[in-house]
Structure formats: C-alpha cells, structure tokens
C-alpha atoms as a PDB file:
ATOM      1  CA  MET A   1      94.819  70.740  88.074  1.00  0.00           C
ATOM      2  CA  PRO A   2      97.509  73.033  87.027  1.00  0.00           C
ATOM      3  CA  PHE A   3      96.782  75.687  89.631  1.00  0.00           C
ATOM      4  CA  THR A   4      96.570  72.926  92.045  1.00  0.00           C
ATOM      5  CA  VAL A   5     100.446  71.655  90.686  1.00  0.00           C
ATOM      6  CA  LEU A   6     101.394  75.554  90.790  1.00  0.00           C
ATOM      7  CA  SER A   7     100.368  75.803  94.481  1.00  0.00           C
ATOM      8  CA  ARG A   8     102.344  73.281  95.361  1.00  0.00           C
ATOM      9  CA  TYR A   9     105.382  74.357  93.881  1.00  0.00           C
ATOM     10  CA  GLN A  10     104.770  77.469  95.319  1.00  0.00           C
ATOM     11  CA  GLN A  11     104.773  75.743  99.142  1.00  0.00           C
ATOM     12  CA  ALA A  12     107.963  73.909  98.523  1.00  0.00           C
ATOM     13  CA  LEU A  13     109.355  77.209  97.384  1.00  0.00           C
ATOM     14  CA  ALA A  14     108.116  79.112 100.257  1.00  0.00           C
ATOM     15  CA  ARG A  15     109.264  76.178 102.622  1.00  0.00           C
ATOM     16  CA  ARG A  16     112.759  76.151 101.324  1.00  0.00           C
ATOM     17  CA  SER A  17     113.051  79.818 101.344  1.00  0.00           C
ATOM     18  CA  GLN A  18     112.120  80.479 104.845  1.00  0.00           C
ATOM     19  CA  HIS A  19     115.708  80.463 106.346  1.00  0.00           C
ATOM     20  CA  TRP A  20     117.117  82.924 103.826  1.00  0.00           C
ATOM     21  CA  SER A  21     118.305  86.217 104.913  1.00  0.00           C
ATOM     22  CA  PRO A  22     116.424  89.503 103.007  1.00  0.00           C
ATOM     23  CA  THR A  23     119.949  90.181 101.072  1.00  0.00           C
ATOM     24  CA  THR A  24     119.887  86.842  99.771  1.00  0.00           C
ATOM     25  CA  ARG A  25     116.564  86.964  98.625  1.00  0.00           C
ATOM     26  CA  GLY A  26     117.235  90.830  97.315  1.00  0.00           C
ATOM     27  CA  LEU A  27     120.113  89.077  95.605  1.00  0.00           C
ATOM     28  CA  LEU A  28     117.812  86.722  93.631  1.00  0.00           C
ATOM     29  CA  TRP A  29     115.189  88.974  92.724  1.00  0.00           C
ATOM     30  CA  THR A  30     117.838  91.299  91.313  1.00  0.00           C
ATOM     31  CA  SER A  31     119.626  88.522  89.344  1.00  0.00           C
ATOM     32  CA  ALA A  32     115.999  87.468  87.938  1.00  0.00           C
ATOM     33  CA  ALA A  33     115.135  91.158  87.157  1.00  0.00           C
ATOM     34  CA  GLY A  34     118.390  91.385  85.296  1.00  0.00           C
ATOM     35  CA  PHE A  35     118.092  88.070  83.200  1.00  0.00           C
ATOM     36  CA  ILE A  36     114.297  88.329  82.684  1.00  0.00           C
ATOM     37  CA  PHE A  37     115.780  92.538  81.254  1.00  0.00           C
ATOM     38  CA  SER A  38     118.288  91.310  79.167  1.00  0.00           C
ATOM     39  CA  MET A  39     115.969  88.250  77.478  1.00  0.00           C
ATOM     40  CA  LEU A  40     113.468  91.449  76.891  1.00  0.00           C
ATOM     41  CA  ASN A  41     116.157  93.170  75.128  1.00  0.00           C
ATOM     42  CA  ALA A  42     117.268  90.140  72.968  1.00  0.00           C
ATOM     43  CA  LEU A  43     113.861  89.477  72.086  1.00  0.00           C
ATOM     44  CA  MET A  44     113.182  93.622  71.143  1.00  0.00           C
ATOM     45  CA  ARG A  45     116.415  93.231  69.174  1.00  0.00           C
ATOM     46  CA  LEU A  46     115.552  90.237  67.055  1.00  0.00           C
ATOM     47  CA  LEU A  47     111.897  91.512  66.451  1.00  0.00           C
ATOM     48  CA  THR A  48     113.166  94.756  65.083  1.00  0.00           C
ATOM     49  CA  GLN A  49     115.222  92.552  62.701  1.00  0.00           C
ATOM     50  CA  GLN A  50     111.768  91.527  61.409  1.00  0.00           C
ATOM     51  CA  ILE A  51     109.433  94.028  61.849  1.00  0.00           C
ATOM     52  CA  ASP A  52     109.600  98.016  61.344  1.00  0.00           C
ATOM     53  CA  PRO A  53     111.357  99.903  64.103  1.00  0.00           C
ATOM     54  CA  PHE A  54     108.317 102.068  64.341  1.00  0.00           C
ATOM     55  CA  GLN A  55     106.205  99.294  65.214  1.00  0.00           C
ATOM     56  CA  ALA A  56     108.332  97.749  67.603  1.00  0.00           C
ATOM     57  CA  GLN A  57     108.754 100.879  69.286  1.00  0.00           C
ATOM     58  CA  PHE A  58     104.868 100.762  69.297  1.00  0.00           C
ATOM     59  CA  LEU A  59     104.625  97.512  70.967  1.00  0.00           C
ATOM     60  CA  ARG A  60     107.191  97.655  73.427  1.00  0.00           C
ATOM     61  CA  TYR A  61     105.659 101.157  74.471  1.00  0.00           C
ATOM     62  CA  ALA A  62     102.403  99.181  74.448  1.00  0.00           C
ATOM     63  CA  PHE A  63     103.040  96.729  76.353  1.00  0.00           C
ATOM     64  CA  GLY A  64     104.891  98.534  79.269  1.00  0.00           C
ATOM     65  CA  LEU A  65     101.812 100.791  79.552  1.00  0.00           C
ATOM     66  CA  LEU A  66     100.279  97.324  80.308  1.00  0.00           C
ATOM     67  CA  VAL A  67     103.069  96.304  82.910  1.00  0.00           C
ATOM     68  CA  ILE A  68     102.741 100.027  84.330  1.00  0.00           C
ATOM     69  CA  LEU A  69      99.009 100.563  84.926  1.00  0.00           C
ATOM     70  CA  PRO A  70      98.177  98.062  87.452  1.00  0.00           C
ATOM     71  CA  LEU A  71     100.667  99.810  89.123  1.00  0.00           C
ATOM     72  CA  VAL A  72      99.052 103.428  88.486  1.00  0.00           C
ATOM     73  CA  TRP A  73      95.892 102.152  89.448  1.00  0.00           C
ATOM     74  CA  ARG A  74      96.852 100.696  92.508  1.00  0.00           C
ATOM     75  CA  TRP A  75      98.307 103.866  93.999  1.00  0.00           C
ATOM     76  CA  HIS A  76      95.893 106.078  92.927  1.00  0.00           C
ATOM     77  CA  THR A  77      92.904 103.695  94.438  1.00  0.00           C
ATOM     78  CA  ARG A  78      95.379 103.380  97.614  1.00  0.00           C
ATOM     79  CA  TRP A  79      96.806 107.368  98.139  1.00  0.00           C
ATOM     80  CA  GLY A  80      93.730 109.037  95.933  1.00  0.00           C
ATOM     81  CA  CYS A  81      94.631 112.365  93.540  1.00  0.00           C
ATOM     82  CA  ALA A  82      96.041 115.764  94.049  1.00  0.00           C
ATOM     83  CA  CYS A  83      92.941 116.864  92.070  1.00  0.00           C
ATOM     84  CA  GLY A  84      90.860 117.810  94.851  1.00  0.00           C
ATOM     85  CA  SER A  85      87.711 116.214  93.587  1.00  0.00           C
ATOM     86  CA  PRO A  86      85.140 114.807  95.795  1.00  0.00           C
ATOM     87  CA  ARG A  87      84.897 111.617  94.186  1.00  0.00           C
ATOM     88  CA  CYS A  88      88.679 110.531  94.188  1.00  0.00           C
ATOM     89  CA  ARG A  89      88.829 108.276  97.568  1.00  0.00           C
ATOM     90  CA  ARG A  90      91.217 110.406  99.316  1.00  0.00           C
ATOM     91  CA  SER A  91      93.042 113.723  98.382  1.00  0.00           C
ATOM     92  CA  ARG A  92      96.412 113.549  99.329  1.00  0.00           C
ATOM     93  CA  TRP A  93      99.398 112.333  98.802  1.00  0.00           C
ATOM     94  CA  PRO A  94     101.481 110.352 100.661  1.00  0.00           C
ATOM     95  CA  THR A  95     103.817 111.705 103.526  1.00  0.00           C
END
C-alpha cells in the first residue's frame, strides 16, 4: 500500500515538472543537496556533543562508505578495472 501512494506522488510530480527547464531542475537539485548537507552537518554537530568524537567520525565515515560503495560497484561493473585480469568484464578506462 505505501508503495502505491509513493508512486502516485512520483507520477504527479513527474507530470508537473515536465515543462521545467533543465536550469530550473538543476537549481532545485542543488538547493535540495545544500539543505540535506546542512542538516547532516547539524546532526553530526549534535551527535558529537552526545558521544565520543572518535565514534562520531567512525560513524560519519562508515555511512559515507555505504553511500559511495554502490557508485563504485556500478562504475566497476560498467567500465571494468585497470588490472587487466580476465575475470574483469572489461579492462579499459572510460574515454
């Protein structure tokens, strides 16, 4: 049930934003990213007041790794690696 409600909102948003220019979409993405980064900074500042700074840094880097890992995996499966191993799908860098 929640997925159908979410997909309805997603479809409504897609219909409303079809006529927006790429510049407007880019500005909205940039604004959303800035808001999320400022919230992350505020939460980390609050968290460091509650726990040890080393634990806070560990959590920051651990969650950062969780965010970056799918991107690295996708890049590796798309472009292969530079090691030249036959196990890799493609052994060349993007040009």
